[in-house]
Amino acid sequence: MPTLNTVLFISFLLFAVGVAGVLIRRNVLIVLMCVELMLNAANLNLIAFARHSGSPAGQAFALLVMGLAAAEVAIGLALVVALYRKKDTIQVDQINLLKG
């Protein structure tokens, strides 16, 4: 049975990998996957604290975050497809649609 500190450390590592991926990578799909990693780290925190305190509120919030993540993936992939059709690339540094 892992302790709360162990779970929080694993969650921190997941979140750090997600932040590093968002900041370093240039492919939009990989950036979306890294955002999912960060959301999963938040879910891990919510469930760990809910288990530690004994209340089911953290688990309910984790389910809400999972629904948010599913919606984010659907909208994000739709945006990636639209960008690819318009610009023929999914590299973040080559997308300049908002520039005048």
C-alpha atoms as a PDB file:
ATOM      1  CA  MET A   1       0.000   0.000   0.000  1.00  0.00           C
ATOM      2  CA  PRO A   2       1.694   3.246  -1.123  1.00  0.00           C
ATOM      3  CA  THR A   3       1.766   6.146   1.302  1.00  0.00           C
ATOM      4  CA  LEU A   4       0.395   9.595   0.554  1.00  0.00           C
ATOM      5  CA  ASN A   5       3.894  10.996   0.049  1.00  0.00           C
ATOM      6  CA  THR A   6       4.718   8.317  -2.518  1.00  0.00           C
ATOM      7  CA  VAL A   7       1.570   8.991  -4.509  1.00  0.00           C
ATOM      8  CA  LEU A   8       2.149  12.758  -4.385  1.00  0.00           C
ATOM      9  CA  PHE A   9       5.715  12.291  -5.614  1.00  0.00           C
ATOM     10  CA  ILE A  10       4.522  10.146  -8.532  1.00  0.00           C
ATOM     11  CA  SER A  11       1.885  12.757  -9.300  1.00  0.00           C
ATOM     12  CA  PHE A  12       4.544  15.480  -9.237  1.00  0.00           C
ATOM     13  CA  LEU A  13       6.687  13.497 -11.670  1.00  0.00           C
ATOM     14  CA  LEU A  14       3.730  13.031 -14.041  1.00  0.00           C
ATOM     15  CA  PHE A  15       2.922  16.731 -13.892  1.00  0.00           C
ATOM     16  CA  ALA A  16       6.571  17.699 -14.444  1.00  0.00           C
ATOM     17  CA  VAL A  17       6.813  15.446 -17.516  1.00  0.00           C
ATOM     18  CA  GLY A  18       3.614  17.006 -18.845  1.00  0.00           C
ATOM     19  CA  VAL A  19       4.863  20.564 -18.332  1.00  0.00           C
ATOM     20  CA  ALA A  20       8.204  19.717 -19.925  1.00  0.00           C
ATOM     21  CA  GLY A  21       6.422  18.194 -22.911  1.00  0.00           C
ATOM     22  CA  VAL A  22       4.216  21.244 -23.388  1.00  0.00           C
ATOM     23  CA  LEU A  23       7.192  23.585 -23.213  1.00  0.00           C
ATOM     24  CA  ILE A  24       9.660  21.559 -25.301  1.00  0.00           C
ATOM     25  CA  ARG A  25       7.699  19.717 -27.991  1.00  0.00           C
ATOM     26  CA  ARG A  26       6.428  21.357 -31.164  1.00  0.00           C
ATOM     27  CA  ASN A  27       3.913  18.803 -32.381  1.00  0.00           C
ATOM     28  CA  VAL A  28       0.342  19.714 -31.429  1.00  0.00           C
ATOM     29  CA  LEU A  29      -0.660  16.089 -30.819  1.00  0.00           C
ATOM     30  CA  ILE A  30       2.193  15.564 -28.377  1.00  0.00           C
ATOM     31  CA  VAL A  31       1.299  18.826 -26.625  1.00  0.00           C
ATOM     32  CA  LEU A  32      -2.271  17.550 -26.215  1.00  0.00           C
ATOM     33  CA  MET A  33      -0.984  14.270 -24.778  1.00  0.00           C
ATOM     34  CA  CYS A  34       1.169  16.203 -22.307  1.00  0.00           C
ATOM     35  CA  VAL A  35      -1.861  18.218 -21.204  1.00  0.00           C
ATOM     36  CA  GLU A  36      -3.602  14.890 -20.615  1.00  0.00           C
ATOM     37  CA  LEU A  37      -0.646  13.795 -18.471  1.00  0.00           C
ATOM     38  CA  MET A  38      -1.043  16.931 -16.369  1.00  0.00           C
ATOM     39  CA  LEU A  39      -4.766  16.273 -15.934  1.00  0.00           C
ATOM     40  CA  ASN A  40      -4.017  12.689 -14.906  1.00  0.00           C
ATOM     41  CA  ALA A  41      -1.542  13.975 -12.318  1.00  0.00           C
ATOM     42  CA  ALA A  42      -4.274  16.208 -10.914  1.00  0.00           C
ATOM     43  CA  ASN A  43      -6.635  13.215 -10.829  1.00  0.00           C
ATOM     44  CA  LEU A  44      -4.046  11.210  -8.947  1.00  0.00           C
ATOM     45  CA  ASN A  45      -3.759  14.011  -6.386  1.00  0.00           C
ATOM     46  CA  LEU A  46      -7.525  14.239  -5.983  1.00  0.00           C
ATOM     47  CA  ILE A  47      -7.912  10.517  -5.440  1.00  0.00           C
ATOM     48  CA  ALA A  48      -4.933  10.323  -3.064  1.00  0.00           C
ATOM     49  CA  PHE A  49      -6.280  13.118  -0.882  1.00  0.00           C
ATOM     50  CA  ALA A  50      -9.793  11.657  -0.985  1.00  0.00           C
ATOM     51  CA  ARG A  51      -8.447   8.309   0.150  1.00  0.00           C
ATOM     52  CA  HIS A  52      -6.344   9.956   2.842  1.00  0.00           C
ATOM     53  CA  SER A  53      -9.226  12.041   4.240  1.00  0.00           C
ATOM     54  CA  GLY A  54     -11.889   9.359   3.813  1.00  0.00           C
ATOM     55  CA  SER A  55     -14.363  11.523   1.915  1.00  0.00           C
ATOM     56  CA  PRO A  56     -15.615  10.641  -1.582  1.00  0.00           C
ATOM     57  CA  ALA A  57     -15.567  14.282  -2.766  1.00  0.00           C
ATOM     58  CA  GLY A  58     -12.113  13.965  -4.335  1.00  0.00           C
ATOM     59  CA  GLN A  59     -13.206  10.938  -6.327  1.00  0.00           C
ATOM     60  CA  ALA A  60     -16.242  12.844  -7.588  1.00  0.00           C
ATOM     61  CA  PHE A  61     -14.012  15.702  -8.701  1.00  0.00           C
ATOM     62  CA  ALA A  62     -11.704  13.209 -10.402  1.00  0.00           C
ATOM     63  CA  LEU A  63     -14.643  11.896 -12.425  1.00  0.00           C
ATOM     64  CA  LEU A  64     -15.473  15.477 -13.369  1.00  0.00           C
ATOM     65  CA  VAL A  65     -11.878  16.042 -14.505  1.00  0.00           C
ATOM     66  CA  MET A  66     -12.028  12.836 -16.581  1.00  0.00           C
ATOM     67  CA  GLY A  67     -15.118  14.163 -18.349  1.00  0.00           C
ATOM     68  CA  LEU A  68     -13.345  17.473 -18.924  1.00  0.00           C
ATOM     69  CA  ALA A  69     -10.345  15.622 -20.347  1.00  0.00           C
ATOM     70  CA  ALA A  70     -12.560  13.685 -22.762  1.00  0.00           C
ATOM     71  CA  ALA A  71     -14.141  16.923 -23.981  1.00  0.00           C
ATOM     72  CA  GLU A  72     -10.702  18.527 -24.291  1.00  0.00           C
ATOM     73  CA  VAL A  73      -9.469  15.648 -26.441  1.00  0.00           C
ATOM     74  CA  ALA A  74     -12.491  15.841 -28.736  1.00  0.00           C
ATOM     75  CA  ILE A  75     -12.204  19.598 -29.237  1.00  0.00           C
ATOM     76  CA  GLY A  76      -8.414  19.518 -29.447  1.00  0.00           C
ATOM     77  CA  LEU A  77      -8.381  16.828 -32.131  1.00  0.00           C
ATOM     78  CA  ALA A  78     -11.036  18.706 -34.106  1.00  0.00           C
ATOM     79  CA  LEU A  79      -8.837  21.819 -33.979  1.00  0.00           C
ATOM     80  CA  VAL A  80      -5.794  19.817 -35.058  1.00  0.00           C
ATOM     81  CA  VAL A  81      -7.674  18.408 -38.054  1.00  0.00           C
ATOM     82  CA  ALA A  82      -8.886  21.892 -39.016  1.00  0.00           C
ATOM     83  CA  LEU A  83      -5.371  23.329 -38.703  1.00  0.00           C
ATOM     84  CA  TYR A  84      -3.903  20.506 -40.755  1.00  0.00           C
ATOM     85  CA  ARG A  85      -6.463  21.053 -43.517  1.00  0.00           C
ATOM     86  CA  LYS A  86      -5.759  24.780 -43.599  1.00  0.00           C
ATOM     87  CA  LYS A  87      -1.965  24.890 -43.116  1.00  0.00           C
ATOM     88  CA  ASP A  88      -0.803  21.323 -43.974  1.00  0.00           C
ATOM     89  CA  THR A  89       1.188  21.170 -40.734  1.00  0.00           C
ATOM     90  CA  ILE A  90       0.656  20.438 -37.061  1.00  0.00           C
ATOM     91  CA  GLN A  91       3.874  22.035 -35.836  1.00  0.00           C
ATOM     92  CA  VAL A  92       3.167  24.702 -33.219  1.00  0.00           C
ATOM     93  CA  ASP A  93       5.868  27.109 -34.383  1.00  0.00           C
ATOM     94  CA  GLN A  94       4.554  27.142 -37.981  1.00  0.00           C
ATOM     95  CA  ILE A  95       0.962  28.030 -37.093  1.00  0.00           C
ATOM     96  CA  ASN A  96       0.370  31.768 -37.316  1.00  0.00           C
ATOM     97  CA  LEU A  97      -3.344  32.071 -38.043  1.00  0.00           C
ATOM     98  CA  LEU A  98      -3.927  34.980 -35.663  1.00  0.00           C
ATOM     99  CA  LYS A  99      -1.157  37.152 -37.098  1.00  0.00           C
ATOM    100  CA  GLY A 100      -2.533  40.022 -39.202  1.00  0.00           C
END
